């Protein structure tokens, strides 16, 4: 009986730590870029895009496809980095075990 209470306390503590870590991820940011930095995308650790910067030299009215590719590449780069950040931060709490729905 005492073991069960201890285990429940540990589970509750871990849940609180994970909630805090998720809240912290919302305040951390990563940057993805493409084209040598002509397109830069900022995302939170929760994989939310917060900013996109496109330098004027990336804009060529005769080559809109290139700009679209640069934006897409930068967004994917930022989201990949955000996922890695989340896995790193949450992995410290879970011991590397992936818990569905956590990240």
PDB file of N, CA and C in Angstrom:
ATOM      1  N   UNK A   1       0.830  -1.208   0.000  1.00  0.00           N
ATOM      2  CA  UNK A   1       0.000   0.000   0.000  1.00  0.00           C
ATOM      3  C   UNK A   1       0.868   1.263   0.000  1.00  0.00           C
ATOM      4  N   UNK A   2       1.912   1.247   0.813  1.00  0.00           N
ATOM      5  CA  UNK A   2       2.813   2.390   0.897  1.00  0.00           C
ATOM      6  C   UNK A   2       3.554   2.605  -0.418  1.00  0.00           C
ATOM      7  N   UNK A   3       3.921   1.489  -1.075  1.00  0.00           N
ATOM      8  CA  UNK A   3       4.588   1.579  -2.373  1.00  0.00           C
ATOM      9  C   UNK A   3       3.697   2.261  -3.405  1.00  0.00           C
ATOM     10  N   UNK A   4       2.426   1.951  -3.372  1.00  0.00           N
ATOM     11  CA  UNK A   4       1.470   2.536  -4.319  1.00  0.00           C
ATOM     12  C   UNK A   4       1.361   4.039  -4.107  1.00  0.00           C
ATOM     13  N   UNK A   5       1.337   4.476  -2.852  1.00  0.00           N
ATOM     14  CA  UNK A   5       1.260   5.905  -2.558  1.00  0.00           C
ATOM     15  C   UNK A   5       2.531   6.619  -3.037  1.00  0.00           C
ATOM     16  N   UNK A   6       3.670   5.993  -2.813  1.00  0.00           N
ATOM     17  CA  UNK A   6       4.926   6.582  -3.266  1.00  0.00           C
ATOM     18  C   UNK A   6       4.947   6.697  -4.783  1.00  0.00           C
ATOM     19  N   UNK A   7       4.491   5.637  -5.442  1.00  0.00           N
ATOM     20  CA  UNK A   7       4.475   5.641  -6.898  1.00  0.00           C
ATOM     21  C   UNK A   7       3.544   6.734  -7.418  1.00  0.00           C
ATOM     22  N   UNK A   8       2.403   6.904  -6.801  1.00  0.00           N
ATOM     23  CA  UNK A   8       1.461   7.941  -7.226  1.00  0.00           C
ATOM     24  C   UNK A   8       2.057   9.334  -7.013  1.00  0.00           C
ATOM     25  N   UNK A   9       2.788   9.520  -5.921  1.00  0.00           N
ATOM     26  CA  UNK A   9       3.448  10.806  -5.690  1.00  0.00           C
ATOM     27  C   UNK A   9       4.488  11.077  -6.769  1.00  0.00           C
ATOM     28  N   UNK A  10       5.241  10.043  -7.151  1.00  0.00           N
ATOM     29  CA  UNK A  10       6.246  10.197  -8.186  1.00  0.00           C
ATOM     30  C   UNK A  10       5.608  10.525  -9.528  1.00  0.00           C
ATOM     31  N   UNK A  11       4.498   9.865  -9.843  1.00  0.00           N
ATOM     32  CA  UNK A  11       3.790  10.126 -11.097  1.00  0.00           C
ATOM     33  C   UNK A  11       3.291  11.561 -11.115  1.00  0.00           C
ATOM     34  N   UNK A  12       2.722  12.010  -9.997  1.00  0.00           N
ATOM     35  CA  UNK A  12       2.216  13.381  -9.921  1.00  0.00           C
ATOM     36  C   UNK A  12       3.357  14.385 -10.083  1.00  0.00           C
ATOM     37  N   UNK A  13       4.491  14.107  -9.451  1.00  0.00           N
ATOM     38  CA  UNK A  13       5.641  15.002  -9.557  1.00  0.00           C
ATOM     39  C   UNK A  13       6.129  15.057 -11.004  1.00  0.00           C
ATOM     40  N   UNK A  14       6.192  13.915 -11.663  1.00  0.00           N
ATOM     41  CA  UNK A  14       6.632  13.873 -13.053  1.00  0.00           C
ATOM     42  C   UNK A  14       5.664  14.639 -13.947  1.00  0.00           C
ATOM     43  N   UNK A  15       4.370  14.510 -13.699  1.00  0.00           N
ATOM     44  CA  UNK A  15       3.373  15.245 -14.486  1.00  0.00           C
ATOM     45  C   UNK A  15       3.569  16.748 -14.323  1.00  0.00           C
ATOM     46  N   UNK A  16       3.825  17.185 -13.102  1.00  0.00           N
ATOM     47  CA  UNK A  16       4.041  18.607 -12.851  1.00  0.00           C
ATOM     48  C   UNK A  16       5.296  19.106 -13.566  1.00  0.00           C
ATOM     49  N   UNK A  17       6.365  18.289 -13.534  1.00  0.00           N
ATOM     50  CA  UNK A  17       7.601  18.661 -14.210  1.00  0.00           C
ATOM     51  C   UNK A  17       7.392  18.733 -15.721  1.00  0.00           C
ATOM     52  N   UNK A  18       6.630  17.803 -16.273  1.00  0.00           N
ATOM     53  CA  UNK A  18       6.382  17.797 -17.711  1.00  0.00           C
ATOM     54  C   UNK A  18       5.543  18.996 -18.121  1.00  0.00           C
ATOM     55  N   UNK A  19       4.557  19.354 -17.317  1.00  0.00           N
ATOM     56  CA  UNK A  19       3.733  20.530 -17.604  1.00  0.00           C
ATOM     57  C   UNK A  19       4.597  21.788 -17.593  1.00  0.00           C
ATOM     58  N   UNK A  20       5.484  21.890 -16.607  1.00  0.00           N
ATOM     59  CA  UNK A  20       6.377  23.045 -16.530  1.00  0.00           C
ATOM     60  C   UNK A  20       7.294  23.085 -17.751  1.00  0.00           C
ATOM     61  N   UNK A  21       7.816  21.935 -18.145  1.00  0.00           N
ATOM     62  CA  UNK A  21       8.705  21.873 -19.309  1.00  0.00           C
ATOM     63  C   UNK A  21       7.961  22.290 -20.577  1.00  0.00           C
ATOM     64  N   UNK A  22       6.709  21.872 -20.712  1.00  0.00           N
ATOM     65  CA  UNK A  22       5.926  22.268 -21.884  1.00  0.00           C
ATOM     66  C   UNK A  22       5.679  23.773 -21.894  1.00  0.00           C
ATOM     67  N   UNK A  23       5.413  24.349 -20.732  1.00  0.00           N
ATOM     68  CA  UNK A  23       5.213  25.794 -20.649  1.00  0.00           C
ATOM     69  C   UNK A  23       6.496  26.537 -21.026  1.00  0.00           C
ATOM     70  N   UNK A  24       7.635  26.006 -20.604  1.00  0.00           N
ATOM     71  CA  UNK A  24       8.914  26.623 -20.938  1.00  0.00           C
ATOM     72  C   UNK A  24       9.191  26.536 -22.438  1.00  0.00           C
ATOM     73  N   UNK A  25       8.775  25.433 -23.063  1.00  0.00           N
ATOM     74  CA  UNK A  25       8.968  25.290 -24.500  1.00  0.00           C
ATOM     75  C   UNK A  25       8.243  26.390 -25.279  1.00  0.00           C
ATOM     76  N   UNK A  26       7.138  26.860 -24.739  1.00  0.00           N
ATOM     77  CA  UNK A  26       6.379  27.919 -25.409  1.00  0.00           C
ATOM     78  C   UNK A  26       7.160  29.231 -25.441  1.00  0.00           C
ATOM     79  N   UNK A  27       8.110  29.381 -24.516  1.00  0.00           N
ATOM     80  CA  UNK A  27       8.874  30.628 -24.462  1.00  0.00           C
ATOM     81  C   UNK A  27      10.216  30.528 -25.172  1.00  0.00           C
ATOM     82  N   UNK A  28      10.650  29.317 -25.498  1.00  0.00           N
ATOM     83  CA  UNK A  28      11.918  29.134 -26.203  1.00  0.00           C
ATOM     84  C   UNK A  28      11.679  29.211 -27.705  1.00  0.00           C
ATOM     85  N   UNK A  29      12.661  29.769 -28.413  1.00  0.00           N
ATOM     86  CA  UNK A  29      12.522  29.879 -29.864  1.00  0.00           C
ATOM     87  C   UNK A  29      13.729  29.285 -30.574  1.00  0.00           C
ATOM     88  N   UNK A  30      13.483  28.883 -31.799  1.00  0.00           N
ATOM     89  CA  UNK A  30      14.531  28.413 -32.701  1.00  0.00           C
ATOM     90  C   UNK A  30      14.346  29.133 -34.023  1.00  0.00           C
ATOM     91  N   UNK A  31      15.414  29.164 -34.815  1.00  0.00           N
ATOM     92  CA  UNK A  31      15.352  29.811 -36.123  1.00  0.00           C
ATOM     93  C   UNK A  31      15.738  28.834 -37.211  1.00  0.00           C
ATOM     94  N   UNK A  32      14.981  28.864 -38.271  1.00  0.00           N
ATOM     95  CA  UNK A  32      15.321  28.105 -39.470  1.00  0.00           C
ATOM     96  C   UNK A  32      15.563  29.102 -40.584  1.00  0.00           C
ATOM     97  N   UNK A  33      16.422  28.717 -41.518  1.00  0.00           N
ATOM     98  CA  UNK A  33      16.687  29.655 -42.611  1.00  0.00           C
ATOM     99  C   UNK A  33      16.932  28.911 -43.903  1.00  0.00           C
ATOM    100  N   UNK A  34      16.908  29.656 -44.984  1.00  0.00           N
ATOM    101  CA  UNK A  34      17.161  29.100 -46.321  1.00  0.00           C
ATOM    102  C   UNK A  34      17.806  30.179 -47.170  1.00  0.00           C
ATOM    103  N   UNK A  35      18.464  29.741 -48.228  1.00  0.00           N
ATOM    104  CA  UNK A  35      19.077  30.685 -49.164  1.00  0.00           C
ATOM    105  C   UNK A  35      20.171  31.512 -48.531  1.00  0.00           C
ATOM    106  N   UNK A  36      20.920  30.914 -47.624  1.00  0.00           N
ATOM    107  CA  UNK A  36      21.999  31.666 -46.978  1.00  0.00           C
ATOM    108  C   UNK A  36      21.485  32.747 -46.039  1.00  0.00           C
ATOM    109  N   UNK A  37      20.273  32.575 -45.545  1.00  0.00           N
ATOM    110  CA  UNK A  37      19.716  33.523 -44.586  1.00  0.00           C
ATOM    111  C   UNK A  37      18.810  34.588 -45.195  1.00  0.00           C
ATOM    112  N   UNK A  38      18.494  34.475 -46.497  1.00  0.00           N
ATOM    113  CA  UNK A  38      17.594  35.478 -47.083  1.00  0.00           C
ATOM    114  C   UNK A  38      16.154  35.271 -46.626  1.00  0.00           C
ATOM    115  N   UNK A  39      15.840  34.052 -46.184  1.00  0.00           N
ATOM    116  CA  UNK A  39      14.531  33.782 -45.576  1.00  0.00           C
ATOM    117  C   UNK A  39      14.799  33.148 -44.220  1.00  0.00           C
ATOM    118  N   UNK A  40      14.230  33.756 -43.177  1.00  0.00           N
ATOM    119  CA  UNK A  40      14.411  33.259 -41.815  1.00  0.00           C
ATOM    120  C   UNK A  40      13.047  33.087 -41.165  1.00  0.00           C
ATOM    121  N   UNK A  41      12.872  31.941 -40.487  1.00  0.00           N
ATOM    122  CA  UNK A  41      11.614  31.637 -39.816  1.00  0.00           C
ATOM    123  C   UNK A  41      11.909  31.356 -38.345  1.00  0.00           C
ATOM    124  N   UNK A  42      11.120  31.945 -37.469  1.00  0.00           N
ATOM    125  CA  UNK A  42      11.250  31.720 -36.036  1.00  0.00           C
ATOM    126  C   UNK A  42      10.051  30.896 -35.568  1.00  0.00           C
ATOM    127  N   UNK A  43      10.329  29.873 -34.732  1.00  0.00           N
ATOM    128  CA  UNK A  43       9.275  29.017 -34.184  1.00  0.00           C
ATOM    129  C   UNK A  43       9.532  28.814 -32.699  1.00  0.00           C
ATOM    130  N   UNK A  44       8.459  28.560 -31.953  1.00  0.00           N
ATOM    131  CA  UNK A  44       8.608  28.235 -30.534  1.00  0.00           C
ATOM    132  C   UNK A  44       8.922  26.751 -30.397  1.00  0.00           C
ATOM    133  N   UNK A  45       9.290  26.371 -29.195  1.00  0.00           N
ATOM    134  CA  UNK A  45       9.527  24.967 -28.897  1.00  0.00           C
ATOM    135  C   UNK A  45       8.271  24.127 -29.010  1.00  0.00           C
ATOM    136  N   UNK A  46       7.130  24.783 -29.094  1.00  0.00           N
ATOM    137  CA  UNK A  46       5.861  24.073 -29.285  1.00  0.00           C
ATOM    138  C   UNK A  46       5.452  24.050 -30.756  1.00  0.00           C
ATOM    139  N   UNK A  47       6.403  24.327 -31.632  1.00  0.00           N
ATOM    140  CA  UNK A  47       6.222  24.254 -33.086  1.00  0.00           C
ATOM    141  C   UNK A  47       5.203  25.256 -33.629  1.00  0.00           C
ATOM    142  N   UNK A  48       5.188  26.439 -33.071  1.00  0.00           N
ATOM    143  CA  UNK A  48       4.335  27.512 -33.572  1.00  0.00           C
ATOM    144  C   UNK A  48       5.239  28.535 -34.261  1.00  0.00           C
ATOM    145  N   UNK A  49       4.899  28.867 -35.512  1.00  0.00           N
ATOM    146  CA  UNK A  49       5.665  29.860 -36.260  1.00  0.00           C
ATOM    147  C   UNK A  49       5.297  31.236 -35.717  1.00  0.00           C
ATOM    148  N   UNK A  50       6.317  32.012 -35.315  1.00  0.00           N
ATOM    149  CA  UNK A  50       6.043  33.330 -34.740  1.00  0.00           C
ATOM    150  C   UNK A  50       6.523  34.477 -35.620  1.00  0.00           C
ATOM    151  N   UNK A  51       7.426  34.179 -36.573  1.00  0.00           N
ATOM    152  CA  UNK A  51       7.934  35.257 -37.399  1.00  0.00           C
ATOM    153  C   UNK A  51       8.556  34.697 -38.682  1.00  0.00           C
ATOM    154  N   UNK A  52       8.379  35.438 -39.756  1.00  0.00           N
ATOM    155  CA  UNK A  52       9.029  35.123 -41.029  1.00  0.00           C
ATOM    156  C   UNK A  52       9.641  36.415 -41.551  1.00  0.00           C
ATOM    157  N   UNK A  53      10.948  36.370 -41.854  1.00  0.00           N
ATOM    158  CA  UNK A  53      11.644  37.530 -42.404  1.00  0.00           C
ATOM    159  C   UNK A  53      12.149  37.149 -43.790  1.00  0.00           C
ATOM    160  N   UNK A  54      11.797  37.980 -44.772  1.00  0.00           N
ATOM    161  CA  UNK A  54      12.252  37.779 -46.152  1.00  0.00           C
ATOM    162  C   UNK A  54      13.024  39.023 -46.560  1.00  0.00           C
ATOM    163  N   UNK A  55      14.309  38.833 -46.820  1.00  0.00           N
ATOM    164  CA  UNK A  55      15.133  39.971 -47.239  1.00  0.00           C
ATOM    165  C   UNK A  55      14.780  40.351 -48.673  1.00  0.00           C
ATOM    166  N   UNK A  56      14.870  41.625 -48.993  1.00  0.00           N
ATOM    167  CA  UNK A  56      14.487  42.109 -50.330  1.00  0.00           C
ATOM    168  C   UNK A  56      15.174  41.364 -51.477  1.00  0.00           C
ATOM    169  N   UNK A  57      16.414  40.962 -51.286  1.00  0.00           N
ATOM    170  CA  UNK A  57      17.116  40.284 -52.375  1.00  0.00           C
ATOM    171  C   UNK A  57      16.530  38.906 -52.702  1.00  0.00           C
ATOM    172  N   UNK A  58      15.661  38.390 -51.830  1.00  0.00           N
ATOM    173  CA  UNK A  58      15.012  37.100 -52.092  1.00  0.00           C
ATOM    174  C   UNK A  58      13.795  37.259 -52.997  1.00  0.00           C
ATOM    175  N   UNK A  59      13.348  38.497 -53.162  1.00  0.00           N
ATOM    176  CA  UNK A  59      12.121  38.745 -53.929  1.00  0.00           C
ATOM    177  C   UNK A  59      12.466  39.073 -55.382  1.00  0.00           C
ATOM    178  N   UNK A  60      12.102  38.148 -56.243  1.00  0.00           N
ATOM    179  CA  UNK A  60      12.277  38.332 -57.681  1.00  0.00           C
ATOM    180  C   UNK A  60      10.916  38.071 -58.318  1.00  0.00           C
ATOM    181  N   UNK A  61      10.230  39.111 -58.798  1.00  0.00           N
ATOM    182  CA  UNK A  61       8.891  38.936 -59.362  1.00  0.00           C
ATOM    183  C   UNK A  61       8.854  37.927 -60.508  1.00  0.00           C
ATOM    184  N   UNK A  62       9.996  37.707 -61.154  1.00  0.00           N
ATOM    185  CA  UNK A  62      10.038  36.749 -62.259  1.00  0.00           C
ATOM    186  C   UNK A  62      10.302  35.321 -61.791  1.00  0.00           C
ATOM    187  N   UNK A  63      10.543  35.149 -60.475  1.00  0.00           N
ATOM    188  CA  UNK A  63      10.835  33.815 -59.964  1.00  0.00           C
ATOM    189  C   UNK A  63      10.163  33.598 -58.606  1.00  0.00           C
ATOM    190  N   UNK A  64       8.846  33.675 -58.586  1.00  0.00           N
ATOM    191  CA  UNK A  64       8.066  33.484 -57.366  1.00  0.00           C
ATOM    192  C   UNK A  64       8.252  32.062 -56.822  1.00  0.00           C
ATOM    193  N   UNK A  65       8.417  31.100 -57.708  1.00  0.00           N
ATOM    194  CA  UNK A  65       8.616  29.713 -57.273  1.00  0.00           C
ATOM    195  C   UNK A  65       9.827  29.578 -56.362  1.00  0.00           C
ATOM    196  N   UNK A  66      10.898  30.291 -56.662  1.00  0.00           N
ATOM    197  CA  UNK A  66      12.108  30.235 -55.839  1.00  0.00           C
ATOM    198  C   UNK A  66      11.815  30.751 -54.441  1.00  0.00           C
ATOM    199  N   UNK A  67      11.104  31.860 -54.321  1.00  0.00           N
ATOM    200  CA  UNK A  67      10.764  32.419 -53.023  1.00  0.00           C
ATOM    201  C   UNK A  67       9.893  31.444 -52.235  1.00  0.00           C
ATOM    202  N   UNK A  68       8.929  30.837 -52.904  1.00  0.00           N
ATOM    203  CA  UNK A  68       8.073  29.857 -52.232  1.00  0.00           C
ATOM    204  C   UNK A  68       8.898  28.688 -51.702  1.00  0.00           C
ATOM    205  N   UNK A  69       9.849  28.217 -52.496  1.00  0.00           N
ATOM    206  CA  UNK A  69      10.725  27.125 -52.071  1.00  0.00           C
ATOM    207  C   UNK A  69      11.576  27.533 -50.869  1.00  0.00           C
ATOM    208  N   UNK A  70      12.082  28.763 -50.890  1.00  0.00           N
ATOM    209  CA  UNK A  70      12.891  29.251 -49.773  1.00  0.00           C
ATOM    210  C   UNK A  70      12.068  29.321 -48.488  1.00  0.00           C
ATOM    211  N   UNK A  71      10.853  29.831 -48.583  1.00  0.00           N
ATOM    212  CA  UNK A  71       9.982  29.929 -47.401  1.00  0.00           C
ATOM    213  C   UNK A  71       9.667  28.530 -46.872  1.00  0.00           C
ATOM    214  N   UNK A  72       9.320  27.633 -47.757  1.00  0.00           N
ATOM    215  CA  UNK A  72       8.996  26.259 -47.358  1.00  0.00           C
ATOM    216  C   UNK A  72      10.198  25.595 -46.671  1.00  0.00           C
ATOM    217  N   UNK A  73      11.369  25.763 -47.244  1.00  0.00           N
ATOM    218  CA  UNK A  73      12.581  25.178 -46.661  1.00  0.00           C
ATOM    219  C   UNK A  73      12.876  25.763 -45.285  1.00  0.00           C
ATOM    220  N   UNK A  74      12.742  27.079 -45.151  1.00  0.00           N
ATOM    221  CA  UNK A  74      13.008  27.732 -43.871  1.00  0.00           C
ATOM    222  C   UNK A  74      12.000  27.304 -42.804  1.00  0.00           C
ATOM    223  N   UNK A  75      10.729  27.181 -43.182  1.00  0.00           N
ATOM    224  CA  UNK A  75       9.699  26.737 -42.232  1.00  0.00           C
ATOM    225  C   UNK A  75      10.005  25.320 -41.770  1.00  0.00           C
ATOM    226  N   UNK A  76      10.308  24.448 -42.702  1.00  0.00           N
ATOM    227  CA  UNK A  76      10.606  23.059 -42.325  1.00  0.00           C
ATOM    228  C   UNK A  76      11.858  22.978 -41.456  1.00  0.00           C
ATOM    229  N   UNK A  77      12.849  23.797 -41.737  1.00  0.00           N
ATOM    230  CA  UNK A  77      14.062  23.836 -40.925  1.00  0.00           C
ATOM    231  C   UNK A  77      13.728  24.274 -39.493  1.00  0.00           C
ATOM    232  N   UNK A  78      12.925  25.319 -39.358  1.00  0.00           N
ATOM    233  CA  UNK A  78      12.540  25.811 -38.029  1.00  0.00           C
ATOM    234  C   UNK A  78      11.725  24.760 -37.269  1.00  0.00           C
ATOM    235  N   UNK A  79      10.795  24.101 -37.947  1.00  0.00           N
ATOM    236  CA  UNK A  79       9.974  23.093 -37.278  1.00  0.00           C
ATOM    237  C   UNK A  79      10.802  21.879 -36.861  1.00  0.00           C
ATOM    238  N   UNK A  80      11.770  21.503 -37.665  1.00  0.00           N
ATOM    239  CA  UNK A  80      12.660  20.398 -37.304  1.00  0.00           C
ATOM    240  C   UNK A  80      13.457  20.757 -36.053  1.00  0.00           C
ATOM    241  N   UNK A  81      13.975  21.980 -36.011  1.00  0.00           N
ATOM    242  CA  UNK A  81      14.738  22.426 -34.844  1.00  0.00           C
ATOM    243  C   UNK A  81      13.846  22.520 -33.606  1.00  0.00           C
ATOM    244  N   UNK A  82      12.602  22.958 -33.778  1.00  0.00           N
ATOM    245  CA  UNK A  82      11.664  23.038 -32.655  1.00  0.00           C
ATOM    246  C   UNK A  82      11.372  21.640 -32.107  1.00  0.00           C
ATOM    247  N   UNK A  83      11.213  20.688 -33.001  1.00  0.00           N
ATOM    248  CA  UNK A  83      10.963  19.309 -32.571  1.00  0.00           C
ATOM    249  C   UNK A  83      12.164  18.756 -31.810  1.00  0.00           C
ATOM    250  N   UNK A  84      13.361  19.039 -32.307  1.00  0.00           N
ATOM    251  CA  UNK A  84      14.572  18.575 -31.624  1.00  0.00           C
ATOM    252  C   UNK A  84      14.693  19.213 -30.240  1.00  0.00           C
ATOM    253  N   UNK A  85      14.343  20.491 -30.139  1.00  0.00           N
ATOM    254  CA  UNK A  85      14.364  21.183 -28.852  1.00  0.00           C
ATOM    255  C   UNK A  85      13.382  20.531 -27.887  1.00  0.00           C
ATOM    256  N   UNK A  86      12.174  20.265 -28.368  1.00  0.00           N
ATOM    257  CA  UNK A  86      11.149  19.646 -27.520  1.00  0.00           C
ATOM    258  C   UNK A  86      11.584  18.255 -27.073  1.00  0.00           C
ATOM    259  N   UNK A  87      12.121  17.472 -27.992  1.00  0.00           N
ATOM    260  CA  UNK A  87      12.565  16.123 -27.632  1.00  0.00           C
ATOM    261  C   UNK A  87      13.697  16.179 -26.615  1.00  0.00           C
ATOM    262  N   UNK A  88      14.593  17.138 -26.779  1.00  0.00           N
ATOM    263  CA  UNK A  88      15.714  17.284 -25.849  1.00  0.00           C
ATOM    264  C   UNK A  88      15.217  17.672 -24.458  1.00  0.00           C
ATOM    265  N   UNK A  89      14.371  18.692 -24.394  1.00  0.00           N
ATOM    266  CA  UNK A  89      13.868  19.167 -23.100  1.00  0.00           C
ATOM    267  C   UNK A  89      12.996  18.122 -22.415  1.00  0.00           C
ATOM    268  N   UNK A  90      12.087  17.525 -23.156  1.00  0.00           N
ATOM    269  CA  UNK A  90      11.177  16.550 -22.562  1.00  0.00           C
ATOM    270  C   UNK A  90      11.888  15.220 -22.303  1.00  0.00           C
ATOM    271  N   UNK A  91      12.875  14.910 -23.126  1.00  0.00           N
ATOM    272  CA  UNK A  91      13.608  13.660 -22.967  1.00  0.00           C
ATOM    273  C   UNK A  91      14.339  13.579 -21.638  1.00  0.00           C
ATOM    274  N   UNK A  92      14.719  14.729 -21.101  1.00  0.00           N
ATOM    275  CA  UNK A  92      15.373  14.731 -19.786  1.00  0.00           C
ATOM    276  C   UNK A  92      14.421  14.243 -18.707  1.00  0.00           C
ATOM    277  N   UNK A  93      13.137  14.505 -18.883  1.00  0.00           N
ATOM    278  CA  UNK A  93      12.158  14.091 -17.880  1.00  0.00           C
ATOM    279  C   UNK A  93      11.706  12.650 -18.075  1.00  0.00           C
ATOM    280  N   UNK A  94      11.656  12.230 -19.314  1.00  0.00           N
ATOM    281  CA  UNK A  94      11.121  10.891 -19.604  1.00  0.00           C
ATOM    282  C   UNK A  94      12.218   9.849 -19.774  1.00  0.00           C
ATOM    283  N   UNK A  95      13.466  10.272 -19.638  1.00  0.00           N
ATOM    284  CA  UNK A  95      14.564   9.331 -19.822  1.00  0.00           C
ATOM    285  C   UNK A  95      14.671   8.844 -21.260  1.00  0.00           C
ATOM    286  N   UNK A  96      14.238   9.670 -22.207  1.00  0.00           N
ATOM    287  CA  UNK A  96      14.310   9.309 -23.622  1.00  0.00           C
ATOM    288  C   UNK A  96      13.115   8.519 -24.097  1.00  0.00           C
ATOM    289  N   UNK A  97      12.239   8.118 -23.186  1.00  0.00           N
ATOM    290  CA  UNK A  97      11.047   7.360 -23.561  1.00  0.00           C
ATOM    291  C   UNK A  97      10.044   8.316 -24.213  1.00  0.00           C
ATOM    292  N   UNK A  98       9.567   7.951 -25.388  1.00  0.00           N
ATOM    293  CA  UNK A  98       8.599   8.803 -26.082  1.00  0.00           C
ATOM    294  C   UNK A  98       7.189   8.461 -25.589  1.00  0.00           C
ATOM    295  N   UNK A  99       6.518   9.484 -25.094  1.00  0.00           N
ATOM    296  CA  UNK A  99       5.161   9.305 -24.598  1.00  0.00           C
ATOM    297  C   UNK A  99       4.226   9.913 -25.636  1.00  0.00           C
ATOM    298  N   UNK A 100       3.308   9.124 -26.178  1.00  0.00           N
ATOM    299  CA  UNK A 100       2.412   9.639 -27.215  1.00  0.00           C
ATOM    300  C   UNK A 100       1.675  10.890 -26.747  1.00  0.00           C
ATOM    301  N   UNK A 101       1.624  11.877 -27.646  1.00  0.00           N
ATOM    302  CA  UNK A 101       0.900  13.106 -27.357  1.00  0.00           C
ATOM    303  C   UNK A 101       1.715  14.150 -26.605  1.00  0.00           C
ATOM    304  N   UNK A 102       2.912  13.796 -26.194  1.00  0.00           N
ATOM    305  CA  UNK A 102       3.726  14.760 -25.447  1.00  0.00           C
ATOM    306  C   UNK A 102       4.551  15.639 -26.362  1.00  0.00           C
ATOM    307  N   UNK A 103       5.048  15.085 -27.476  1.00  0.00           N
ATOM    308  CA  UNK A 103       5.838  15.875 -28.417  1.00  0.00           C
ATOM    309  C   UNK A 103       5.933  15.144 -29.719  1.00  0.00           C
TER     310      UNK A 103
END
